[in-house]
All heavy atoms as atom14 arrays in JSON, in Angstrom:
{
  "sequence": "WFAVDRWGVTPDLITFAKGVNSGYVPLGGVIISERIAASFSTKPYPG",
  "atom14_mask": [
    [1, 1, 1, 1, 1, 1, 1, 1, 1, 1, 1, 1, 1, 1],
    [1, 1, 1, 1, 1, 1, 1, 1, 1, 1, 1, 0, 0, 0],
    [1, 1, 1, 1, 1, 0, 0, 0, 0, 0, 0, 0, 0, 0],
    [1, 1, 1, 1, 1, 1, 1, 0, 0, 0, 0, 0, 0, 0],
    [1, 1, 1, 1, 1, 1, 1, 1, 0, 0, 0, 0, 0, 0],
    [1, 1, 1, 1, 1, 1, 1, 1, 1, 1, 1, 0, 0, 0],
    [1, 1, 1, 1, 1, 1, 1, 1, 1, 1, 1, 1, 1, 1],
    [1, 1, 1, 1, 0, 0, 0, 0, 0, 0, 0, 0, 0, 0],
    [1, 1, 1, 1, 1, 1, 1, 0, 0, 0, 0, 0, 0, 0],
    [1, 1, 1, 1, 1, 1, 1, 0, 0, 0, 0, 0, 0, 0],
    [1, 1, 1, 1, 1, 1, 1, 0, 0, 0, 0, 0, 0, 0],
    [1, 1, 1, 1, 1, 1, 1, 1, 0, 0, 0, 0, 0, 0],
    [1, 1, 1, 1, 1, 1, 1, 1, 0, 0, 0, 0, 0, 0],
    [1, 1, 1, 1, 1, 1, 1, 1, 0, 0, 0, 0, 0, 0],
    [1, 1, 1, 1, 1, 1, 1, 0, 0, 0, 0, 0, 0, 0],
    [1, 1, 1, 1, 1, 1, 1, 1, 1, 1, 1, 0, 0, 0],
    [1, 1, 1, 1, 1, 0, 0, 0, 0, 0, 0, 0, 0, 0],
    [1, 1, 1, 1, 1, 1, 1, 1, 1, 0, 0, 0, 0, 0],
    [1, 1, 1, 1, 0, 0, 0, 0, 0, 0, 0, 0, 0, 0],
    [1, 1, 1, 1, 1, 1, 1, 0, 0, 0, 0, 0, 0, 0],
    [1, 1, 1, 1, 1, 1, 1, 1, 0, 0, 0, 0, 0, 0],
    [1, 1, 1, 1, 1, 1, 0, 0, 0, 0, 0, 0, 0, 0],
    [1, 1, 1, 1, 0, 0, 0, 0, 0, 0, 0, 0, 0, 0],
    [1, 1, 1, 1, 1, 1, 1, 1, 1, 1, 1, 1, 0, 0],
    [1, 1, 1, 1, 1, 1, 1, 0, 0, 0, 0, 0, 0, 0],
    [1, 1, 1, 1, 1, 1, 1, 0, 0, 0, 0, 0, 0, 0],
    [1, 1, 1, 1, 1, 1, 1, 1, 0, 0, 0, 0, 0, 0],
    [1, 1, 1, 1, 0, 0, 0, 0, 0, 0, 0, 0, 0, 0],
    [1, 1, 1, 1, 0, 0, 0, 0, 0, 0, 0, 0, 0, 0],
    [1, 1, 1, 1, 1, 1, 1, 0, 0, 0, 0, 0, 0, 0],
    [1, 1, 1, 1, 1, 1, 1, 1, 0, 0, 0, 0, 0, 0],
    [1, 1, 1, 1, 1, 1, 1, 1, 0, 0, 0, 0, 0, 0],
    [1, 1, 1, 1, 1, 1, 0, 0, 0, 0, 0, 0, 0, 0],
    [1, 1, 1, 1, 1, 1, 1, 1, 1, 0, 0, 0, 0, 0],
    [1, 1, 1, 1, 1, 1, 1, 1, 1, 1, 1, 0, 0, 0],
    [1, 1, 1, 1, 1, 1, 1, 1, 0, 0, 0, 0, 0, 0],
    [1, 1, 1, 1, 1, 0, 0, 0, 0, 0, 0, 0, 0, 0],
    [1, 1, 1, 1, 1, 0, 0, 0, 0, 0, 0, 0, 0, 0],
    [1, 1, 1, 1, 1, 1, 0, 0, 0, 0, 0, 0, 0, 0],
    [1, 1, 1, 1, 1, 1, 1, 1, 1, 1, 1, 0, 0, 0],
    [1, 1, 1, 1, 1, 1, 0, 0, 0, 0, 0, 0, 0, 0],
    [1, 1, 1, 1, 1, 1, 1, 0, 0, 0, 0, 0, 0, 0],
    [1, 1, 1, 1, 1, 1, 1, 1, 1, 0, 0, 0, 0, 0],
    [1, 1, 1, 1, 1, 1, 1, 0, 0, 0, 0, 0, 0, 0],
    [1, 1, 1, 1, 1, 1, 1, 1, 1, 1, 1, 1, 0, 0],
    [1, 1, 1, 1, 1, 1, 1, 0, 0, 0, 0, 0, 0, 0],
    [1, 1, 1, 1, 0, 0, 0, 0, 0, 0, 0, 0, 0, 0]
  ],
  "atom14_positions": [
    [[0.82, -1.19, -0.02], [0.05, 0.05, -0.02], [0.94, 1.24, -0.02], [0.63, 2.19, -0.7], [-0.93, 0.0, 1.16], [-2.11, -0.89, 1.01], [-2.3, -2.14, 1.55], [-3.26, -0.54, 0.26], [-3.54, -2.64, 1.04], [-4.18, -1.68, 0.34], [-3.73, 0.6, -0.47], [-5.35, -1.75, -0.41], [-4.94, 0.48, -1.12], [-5.85, -0.56, -1.02]],
    [[1.85, 1.23, 0.93], [2.89, 2.28, 0.93], [4.27, 1.55, 0.94], [4.53, 0.65, 1.62], [2.74, 3.17, 2.16], [1.5, 3.95, 2.07], [0.35, 3.62, 2.82], [1.38, 5.14, 1.3], [-0.81, 4.37, 2.82], [0.16, 5.81, 1.19], [-0.91, 5.52, 1.99], [0.0, 0.0, 0.0], [0.0, 0.0, 0.0], [0.0, 0.0, 0.0]],
    [[5.13, 2.14, 0.22], [6.48, 1.5, 0.04], [7.2, 1.35, 1.38], [7.92, 0.45, 1.67], [7.39, 2.34, -0.86], [0.0, 0.0, 0.0], [0.0, 0.0, 0.0], [0.0, 0.0, 0.0], [0.0, 0.0, 0.0], [0.0, 0.0, 0.0], [0.0, 0.0, 0.0], [0.0, 0.0, 0.0], [0.0, 0.0, 0.0], [0.0, 0.0, 0.0]],
    [[6.92, 2.29, 2.36], [7.62, 2.21, 3.69], [7.24, 0.84, 4.42], [8.04, 0.4, 5.23], [7.22, 3.43, 4.57], [7.83, 4.73, 4.08], [5.71, 3.62, 4.76], [0.0, 0.0, 0.0], [0.0, 0.0, 0.0], [0.0, 0.0, 0.0], [0.0, 0.0, 0.0], [0.0, 0.0, 0.0], [0.0, 0.0, 0.0], [0.0, 0.0, 0.0]],
    [[6.09, 0.32, 3.96], [5.62, -0.91, 4.73], [6.67, -2.03, 4.5], [6.76, -2.98, 5.32], [4.25, -1.36, 4.2], [3.22, -0.39, 4.41], [3.4, 0.51, 5.3], [2.14, -0.41, 3.69], [0.0, 0.0, 0.0], [0.0, 0.0, 0.0], [0.0, 0.0, 0.0], [0.0, 0.0, 0.0], [0.0, 0.0, 0.0], [0.0, 0.0, 0.0]],
    [[7.37, -1.98, 3.37], [8.32, -3.06, 2.99], [9.42, -3.14, 4.06], [10.01, -4.14, 4.32], [8.86, -2.86, 1.58], [9.92, -3.99, 1.29], [10.39, -3.58, -0.19], [11.4, -4.61, -0.59], [11.26, -5.74, -1.18], [9.93, -6.16, -1.41], [12.26, -6.49, -1.54], [0.0, 0.0, 0.0], [0.0, 0.0, 0.0], [0.0, 0.0, 0.0]],
    [[9.74, -1.92, 4.69], [10.85, -1.86, 5.58], [10.42, -1.67, 6.97], [11.2, -1.52, 7.9], [11.89, -0.79, 5.16], [12.57, -1.18, 3.9], [13.61, -1.93, 3.77], [12.2, -0.77, 2.58], [14.01, -1.99, 2.42], [13.18, -1.27, 1.7], [11.22, 0.07, 2.05], [13.13, -1.11, 0.28], [11.12, 0.28, 0.61], [12.01, -0.35, -0.19]],
    [[9.08, -1.58, 7.26], [8.56, -1.46, 8.6], [8.93, -0.13, 9.19], [9.02, -0.07, 10.52], [0.0, 0.0, 0.0], [0.0, 0.0, 0.0], [0.0, 0.0, 0.0], [0.0, 0.0, 0.0], [0.0, 0.0, 0.0], [0.0, 0.0, 0.0], [0.0, 0.0, 0.0], [0.0, 0.0, 0.0], [0.0, 0.0, 0.0], [0.0, 0.0, 0.0]],
    [[9.03, 0.87, 8.41], [9.41, 2.23, 8.95], [8.11, 3.11, 8.94], [7.41, 3.22, 7.95], [10.48, 2.87, 8.12], [10.77, 4.29, 8.54], [11.77, 2.04, 8.29], [0.0, 0.0, 0.0], [0.0, 0.0, 0.0], [0.0, 0.0, 0.0], [0.0, 0.0, 0.0], [0.0, 0.0, 0.0], [0.0, 0.0, 0.0], [0.0, 0.0, 0.0]],
    [[7.95, 3.88, 10.02], [6.86, 4.8, 10.04], [7.37, 6.26, 9.97], [7.91, 6.64, 11.02], [5.99, 4.62, 11.31], [5.46, 3.34, 11.39], [4.78, 5.62, 11.43], [0.0, 0.0, 0.0], [0.0, 0.0, 0.0], [0.0, 0.0, 0.0], [0.0, 0.0, 0.0], [0.0, 0.0, 0.0], [0.0, 0.0, 0.0], [0.0, 0.0, 0.0]],
    [[7.02, 6.95, 8.99], [7.42, 8.39, 8.86], [6.45, 9.21, 9.69], [5.47, 8.75, 10.16], [7.43, 8.64, 7.41], [6.34, 7.77, 6.9], [6.47, 6.45, 7.75], [0.0, 0.0, 0.0], [0.0, 0.0, 0.0], [0.0, 0.0, 0.0], [0.0, 0.0, 0.0], [0.0, 0.0, 0.0], [0.0, 0.0, 0.0], [0.0, 0.0, 0.0]],
    [[6.77, 10.49, 9.83], [5.85, 11.44, 10.44], [4.77, 11.92, 9.45], [3.69, 12.29, 9.86], [6.69, 12.61, 11.02], [7.62, 12.22, 12.02], [7.3, 11.65, 13.1], [8.95, 12.33, 11.76], [0.0, 0.0, 0.0], [0.0, 0.0, 0.0], [0.0, 0.0, 0.0], [0.0, 0.0, 0.0], [0.0, 0.0, 0.0], [0.0, 0.0, 0.0]],
    [[5.17, 12.13, 8.26], [4.17, 12.51, 7.11], [4.45, 11.7, 6.04], [5.54, 11.34, 5.65], [4.45, 13.91, 6.86], [4.31, 15.09, 7.97], [4.82, 16.45, 7.54], [2.86, 15.12, 8.34], [0.0, 0.0, 0.0], [0.0, 0.0, 0.0], [0.0, 0.0, 0.0], [0.0, 0.0, 0.0], [0.0, 0.0, 0.0], [0.0, 0.0, 0.0]],
    [[3.3, 11.29, 5.24], [3.4, 10.72, 4.03], [2.71, 11.5, 2.96], [1.59, 11.88, 3.17], [2.76, 9.25, 3.99], [3.64, 8.34, 4.83], [2.76, 8.64, 2.59], [3.02, 6.86, 4.98], [0.0, 0.0, 0.0], [0.0, 0.0, 0.0], [0.0, 0.0, 0.0], [0.0, 0.0, 0.0], [0.0, 0.0, 0.0], [0.0, 0.0, 0.0]],
    [[3.42, 11.73, 1.89], [2.62, 12.54, 0.8], [2.28, 11.47, -0.3], [3.06, 10.57, -0.57], [3.58, 13.61, 0.16], [4.68, 13.13, -0.23], [3.89, 14.7, 1.27], [0.0, 0.0, 0.0], [0.0, 0.0, 0.0], [0.0, 0.0, 0.0], [0.0, 0.0, 0.0], [0.0, 0.0, 0.0], [0.0, 0.0, 0.0], [0.0, 0.0, 0.0]],
    [[1.21, 11.8, -0.93], [0.59, 10.87, -1.88], [-0.08, 11.51, -2.96], [-0.49, 12.78, -2.81], [-0.3, 9.77, -1.26], [-1.61, 10.42, -0.77], [-2.7, 10.57, -1.51], [-1.76, 10.85, 0.61], [-3.96, 11.07, -1.08], [-2.96, 11.43, 1.06], [-4.02, 11.55, 0.22], [0.0, 0.0, 0.0], [0.0, 0.0, 0.0], [0.0, 0.0, 0.0]],
    [[-0.38, 10.97, -4.09], [-1.15, 11.43, -5.2], [-1.31, 10.23, -6.22], [-1.53, 9.16, -5.75], [-0.58, 12.72, -5.86], [0.0, 0.0, 0.0], [0.0, 0.0, 0.0], [0.0, 0.0, 0.0], [0.0, 0.0, 0.0], [0.0, 0.0, 0.0], [0.0, 0.0, 0.0], [0.0, 0.0, 0.0], [0.0, 0.0, 0.0], [0.0, 0.0, 0.0]],
    [[-1.16, 10.57, -7.42], [-0.97, 9.53, -8.54], [-1.85, 8.29, -8.37], [-3.1, 8.31, -8.64], [0.46, 9.17, -8.79], [1.27, 10.28, -9.37], [2.68, 9.87, -9.7], [3.58, 10.98, -10.19], [3.22, 11.46, -11.56], [0.0, 0.0, 0.0], [0.0, 0.0, 0.0], [0.0, 0.0, 0.0], [0.0, 0.0, 0.0], [0.0, 0.0, 0.0]],
    [[-1.38, 7.26, -7.69], [-2.02, 5.94, -7.61], [-3.26, 5.93, -6.69], [-3.98, 4.9, -6.67], [0.0, 0.0, 0.0], [0.0, 0.0, 0.0], [0.0, 0.0, 0.0], [0.0, 0.0, 0.0], [0.0, 0.0, 0.0], [0.0, 0.0, 0.0], [0.0, 0.0, 0.0], [0.0, 0.0, 0.0], [0.0, 0.0, 0.0], [0.0, 0.0, 0.0]],
    [[-3.45, 7.02, -5.9], [-4.66, 7.0, -4.96], [-5.88, 6.78, -5.72], [-6.93, 6.12, -5.25], [-4.63, 8.23, -4.12], [-4.84, 9.52, -4.8], [-5.6, 8.05, -2.98], [0.0, 0.0, 0.0], [0.0, 0.0, 0.0], [0.0, 0.0, 0.0], [0.0, 0.0, 0.0], [0.0, 0.0, 0.0], [0.0, 0.0, 0.0], [0.0, 0.0, 0.0]],
    [[-5.94, 7.36, -6.89], [-7.13, 7.16, -7.79], [-6.79, 7.17, -9.28], [-7.62, 7.36, -10.09], [-8.15, 8.37, -7.54], [-7.61, 9.71, -8.02], [-6.45, 9.78, -8.2], [-8.52, 10.6, -8.06], [0.0, 0.0, 0.0], [0.0, 0.0, 0.0], [0.0, 0.0, 0.0], [0.0, 0.0, 0.0], [0.0, 0.0, 0.0], [0.0, 0.0, 0.0]],
    [[-5.47, 6.97, -9.49], [-4.92, 6.72, -10.86], [-5.12, 7.91, -11.78], [-5.2, 7.86, -12.95], [-5.53, 5.49, -11.43], [-5.1, 4.29, -10.81], [0.0, 0.0, 0.0], [0.0, 0.0, 0.0], [0.0, 0.0, 0.0], [0.0, 0.0, 0.0], [0.0, 0.0, 0.0], [0.0, 0.0, 0.0], [0.0, 0.0, 0.0], [0.0, 0.0, 0.0]],
    [[-5.24, 9.12, -11.15], [-5.41, 10.34, -11.89], [-6.74, 10.48, -12.59], [-6.9, 11.42, -13.5], [0.0, 0.0, 0.0], [0.0, 0.0, 0.0], [0.0, 0.0, 0.0], [0.0, 0.0, 0.0], [0.0, 0.0, 0.0], [0.0, 0.0, 0.0], [0.0, 0.0, 0.0], [0.0, 0.0, 0.0], [0.0, 0.0, 0.0], [0.0, 0.0, 0.0]],
    [[-7.79, 9.71, -12.25], [-8.94, 9.89, -12.98], [-9.6, 11.35, -12.69], [-10.27, 11.84, -13.54], [-9.99, 8.86, -12.42], [-9.8, 7.41, -13.13], [-8.56, 6.87, -13.32], [-10.92, 6.74, -13.44], [-8.38, 5.63, -13.91], [-10.71, 5.5, -14.06], [-9.47, 4.92, -14.3], [-9.33, 3.65, -14.87], [0.0, 0.0, 0.0], [0.0, 0.0, 0.0]],
    [[-9.34, 11.89, -11.48], [-9.6, 13.18, -11.09], [-8.46, 13.61, -10.3], [-7.92, 12.92, -9.46], [-10.9, 13.31, -10.36], [-11.23, 14.8, -9.91], [-12.12, 12.67, -10.99], [0.0, 0.0, 0.0], [0.0, 0.0, 0.0], [0.0, 0.0, 0.0], [0.0, 0.0, 0.0], [0.0, 0.0, 0.0], [0.0, 0.0, 0.0], [0.0, 0.0, 0.0]],
    [[-7.88, 14.93, -10.44], [-6.75, 15.31, -9.69], [-6.97, 15.24, -8.26], [-7.92, 15.73, -7.67], [-6.56, 16.79, -10.23], [-7.18, 16.79, -11.58], [-8.29, 15.94, -11.36], [0.0, 0.0, 0.0], [0.0, 0.0, 0.0], [0.0, 0.0, 0.0], [0.0, 0.0, 0.0], [0.0, 0.0, 0.0], [0.0, 0.0, 0.0], [0.0, 0.0, 0.0]],
    [[-6.0, 14.56, -7.59], [-6.05, 14.38, -6.08], [-4.68, 14.02, -5.58], [-3.89, 13.27, -6.1], [-7.02, 13.15, -5.79], [-7.25, 13.0, -4.28], [-7.89, 14.14, -3.58], [-8.07, 11.71, -4.0], [0.0, 0.0, 0.0], [0.0, 0.0, 0.0], [0.0, 0.0, 0.0], [0.0, 0.0, 0.0], [0.0, 0.0, 0.0], [0.0, 0.0, 0.0]],
    [[-4.37, 14.64, -4.4], [-3.11, 14.24, -3.67], [-3.45, 14.48, -2.13], [-4.53, 14.88, -1.78], [0.0, 0.0, 0.0], [0.0, 0.0, 0.0], [0.0, 0.0, 0.0], [0.0, 0.0, 0.0], [0.0, 0.0, 0.0], [0.0, 0.0, 0.0], [0.0, 0.0, 0.0], [0.0, 0.0, 0.0], [0.0, 0.0, 0.0], [0.0, 0.0, 0.0]],
    [[-2.41, 14.42, -1.34], [-2.6, 14.75, 0.06], [-1.3, 14.39, 0.9], [-0.36, 13.85, 0.46], [0.0, 0.0, 0.0], [0.0, 0.0, 0.0], [0.0, 0.0, 0.0], [0.0, 0.0, 0.0], [0.0, 0.0, 0.0], [0.0, 0.0, 0.0], [0.0, 0.0, 0.0], [0.0, 0.0, 0.0], [0.0, 0.0, 0.0], [0.0, 0.0, 0.0]],
    [[-1.54, 14.72, 2.15], [-0.65, 14.48, 3.2], [-1.22, 13.64, 4.34], [-2.3, 14.02, 4.8], [0.04, 15.77, 3.87], [1.13, 15.42, 4.83], [0.36, 16.75, 2.74], [0.0, 0.0, 0.0], [0.0, 0.0, 0.0], [0.0, 0.0, 0.0], [0.0, 0.0, 0.0], [0.0, 0.0, 0.0], [0.0, 0.0, 0.0], [0.0, 0.0, 0.0]],
    [[-0.59, 12.51, 4.71], [-1.1, 11.74, 5.81], [-0.29, 12.14, 7.03], [0.96, 12.17, 6.89], [-1.03, 10.25, 5.52], [-1.52, 9.89, 4.13], [-1.92, 9.4, 6.6], [-1.36, 8.43, 3.73], [0.0, 0.0, 0.0], [0.0, 0.0, 0.0], [0.0, 0.0, 0.0], [0.0, 0.0, 0.0], [0.0, 0.0, 0.0], [0.0, 0.0, 0.0]],
    [[-0.93, 12.44, 8.16], [-0.37, 13.21, 9.2], [-0.32, 12.4, 10.48], [-1.37, 11.81, 10.86], [-1.05, 14.59, 9.41], [-1.2, 15.36, 8.13], [-0.32, 15.33, 10.53], [-2.22, 16.38, 8.27], [0.0, 0.0, 0.0], [0.0, 0.0, 0.0], [0.0, 0.0, 0.0], [0.0, 0.0, 0.0], [0.0, 0.0, 0.0], [0.0, 0.0, 0.0]],
    [[0.84, 12.35, 11.2], [0.82, 11.65, 12.45], [0.11, 12.43, 13.56], [-0.13, 13.65, 13.36], [2.32, 11.39, 12.9], [2.91, 12.69, 13.26], [0.0, 0.0, 0.0], [0.0, 0.0, 0.0], [0.0, 0.0, 0.0], [0.0, 0.0, 0.0], [0.0, 0.0, 0.0], [0.0, 0.0, 0.0], [0.0, 0.0, 0.0], [0.0, 0.0, 0.0]],
    [[-0.25, 11.78, 14.48], [-1.08, 12.48, 15.56], [-0.18, 13.53, 16.29], [-0.74, 14.58, 16.65], [-1.53, 11.47, 16.63], [-2.72, 10.61, 16.21], [-3.97, 11.52, 15.84], [-4.24, 12.48, 16.5], [-4.73, 11.19, 14.98], [0.0, 0.0, 0.0], [0.0, 0.0, 0.0], [0.0, 0.0, 0.0], [0.0, 0.0, 0.0], [0.0, 0.0, 0.0]],
    [[1.1, 13.26, 16.37], [2.01, 14.16, 17.04], [2.06, 15.51, 16.24], [2.01, 16.61, 16.91], [3.38, 13.63, 17.15], [4.44, 14.43, 17.89], [5.72, 13.73, 18.04], [6.37, 13.3, 16.73], [7.29, 13.98, 16.11], [7.62, 15.15, 16.64], [7.86, 13.61, 15.01], [0.0, 0.0, 0.0], [0.0, 0.0, 0.0], [0.0, 0.0, 0.0]],
    [[2.04, 15.44, 14.98], [2.13, 16.72, 14.18], [0.75, 17.38, 14.13], [0.58, 18.55, 14.23], [2.74, 16.44, 12.74], [4.17, 16.07, 12.94], [2.53, 17.67, 11.84], [4.98, 15.8, 11.66], [0.0, 0.0, 0.0], [0.0, 0.0, 0.0], [0.0, 0.0, 0.0], [0.0, 0.0, 0.0], [0.0, 0.0, 0.0], [0.0, 0.0, 0.0]],
    [[-0.28, 16.5, 13.95], [-1.65, 17.1, 13.96], [-1.93, 17.78, 15.26], [-2.71, 18.81, 15.26], [-2.68, 15.79, 13.78], [0.0, 0.0, 0.0], [0.0, 0.0, 0.0], [0.0, 0.0, 0.0], [0.0, 0.0, 0.0], [0.0, 0.0, 0.0], [0.0, 0.0, 0.0], [0.0, 0.0, 0.0], [0.0, 0.0, 0.0], [0.0, 0.0, 0.0]],
    [[-1.37, 17.31, 16.4], [-1.62, 18.0, 17.65], [-1.09, 19.47, 17.7], [-1.62, 20.22, 18.48], [-0.98, 17.13, 18.82], [0.0, 0.0, 0.0], [0.0, 0.0, 0.0], [0.0, 0.0, 0.0], [0.0, 0.0, 0.0], [0.0, 0.0, 0.0], [0.0, 0.0, 0.0], [0.0, 0.0, 0.0], [0.0, 0.0, 0.0], [0.0, 0.0, 0.0]],
    [[-0.08, 19.76, 16.85], [0.39, 21.11, 16.86], [-0.64, 22.08, 16.39], [-0.53, 23.35, 16.58], [1.55, 21.16, 15.81], [2.65, 20.45, 16.35], [0.0, 0.0, 0.0], [0.0, 0.0, 0.0], [0.0, 0.0, 0.0], [0.0, 0.0, 0.0], [0.0, 0.0, 0.0], [0.0, 0.0, 0.0], [0.0, 0.0, 0.0], [0.0, 0.0, 0.0]],
    [[-1.65, 21.49, 15.66], [-2.73, 22.46, 15.22], [-3.99, 22.24, 15.82], [-5.02, 22.52, 15.25], [-2.77, 22.23, 13.66], [-1.41, 22.43, 13.0], [-0.71, 21.41, 12.53], [-0.95, 23.72, 12.76], [0.58, 21.49, 11.95], [0.37, 23.86, 12.14], [1.05, 22.73, 11.75], [0.0, 0.0, 0.0], [0.0, 0.0, 0.0], [0.0, 0.0, 0.0]],
    [[-3.94, 21.67, 17.0], [-5.22, 21.44, 17.72], [-5.93, 22.69, 18.12], [-7.16, 22.85, 18.11], [-4.99, 20.53, 18.9], [-4.52, 19.27, 18.55], [0.0, 0.0, 0.0], [0.0, 0.0, 0.0], [0.0, 0.0, 0.0], [0.0, 0.0, 0.0], [0.0, 0.0, 0.0], [0.0, 0.0, 0.0], [0.0, 0.0, 0.0], [0.0, 0.0, 0.0]],
    [[-5.16, 23.65, 18.6], [-5.63, 25.0, 19.07], [-5.27, 26.16, 18.39], [-5.73, 27.22, 18.67], [-5.36, 25.05, 20.56], [-4.01, 25.11, 20.74], [-5.97, 23.94, 21.47], [0.0, 0.0, 0.0], [0.0, 0.0, 0.0], [0.0, 0.0, 0.0], [0.0, 0.0, 0.0], [0.0, 0.0, 0.0], [0.0, 0.0, 0.0], [0.0, 0.0, 0.0]],
    [[-4.39, 25.97, 17.43], [-3.96, 27.06, 16.51], [-4.18, 26.67, 15.02], [-4.09, 25.45, 14.71], [-2.53, 27.46, 16.73], [-1.54, 26.39, 16.3], [-0.06, 26.99, 16.56], [0.97, 25.9, 16.15], [2.38, 26.34, 16.4], [0.0, 0.0, 0.0], [0.0, 0.0, 0.0], [0.0, 0.0, 0.0], [0.0, 0.0, 0.0], [0.0, 0.0, 0.0]],
    [[-4.64, 27.52, 14.18], [-4.95, 27.23, 12.8], [-3.73, 26.73, 11.99], [-2.57, 27.2, 12.21], [-5.53, 28.52, 12.2], [-5.78, 29.36, 13.38], [-4.86, 28.99, 14.42], [0.0, 0.0, 0.0], [0.0, 0.0, 0.0], [0.0, 0.0, 0.0], [0.0, 0.0, 0.0], [0.0, 0.0, 0.0], [0.0, 0.0, 0.0], [0.0, 0.0, 0.0]],
    [[-3.97, 25.83, 11.17], [-2.93, 25.44, 10.21], [-2.94, 26.52, 9.06], [-4.01, 26.81, 8.49], [-3.22, 24.05, 9.54], [-2.25, 23.85, 8.34], [-0.86, 23.74, 8.57], [-2.76, 23.78, 7.04], [-0.02, 23.57, 7.53], [-1.91, 23.63, 5.96], [-0.5, 23.49, 6.23], [0.23, 23.33, 5.18], [0.0, 0.0, 0.0], [0.0, 0.0, 0.0]],
    [[-1.74, 27.15, 8.78], [-1.82, 28.28, 7.77], [-1.74, 27.81, 6.3], [-0.75, 27.97, 5.69], [-0.58, 28.96, 8.15], [0.42, 27.94, 8.7], [-0.48, 26.91, 9.38], [0.0, 0.0, 0.0], [0.0, 0.0, 0.0], [0.0, 0.0, 0.0], [0.0, 0.0, 0.0], [0.0, 0.0, 0.0], [0.0, 0.0, 0.0], [0.0, 0.0, 0.0]],
    [[-2.83, 27.18, 5.86], [-2.81, 26.77, 4.44], [-4.15, 26.1, 4.11], [-4.86, 25.51, 4.89], [0.0, 0.0, 0.0], [0.0, 0.0, 0.0], [0.0, 0.0, 0.0], [0.0, 0.0, 0.0], [0.0, 0.0, 0.0], [0.0, 0.0, 0.0], [0.0, 0.0, 0.0], [0.0, 0.0, 0.0], [0.0, 0.0, 0.0], [0.0, 0.0, 0.0]]
  ]
}
């Protein structure tokens, strides 16, 4: 599903696009760890 799975490594952020829907409609994104998401629990993410 994600290449990191092959080596059992967990990053803090994973960026994705392309294969998530094979480009049928433009789409990408960032998958975020709870530790980093917590930085924006009470302050807005600027973007």
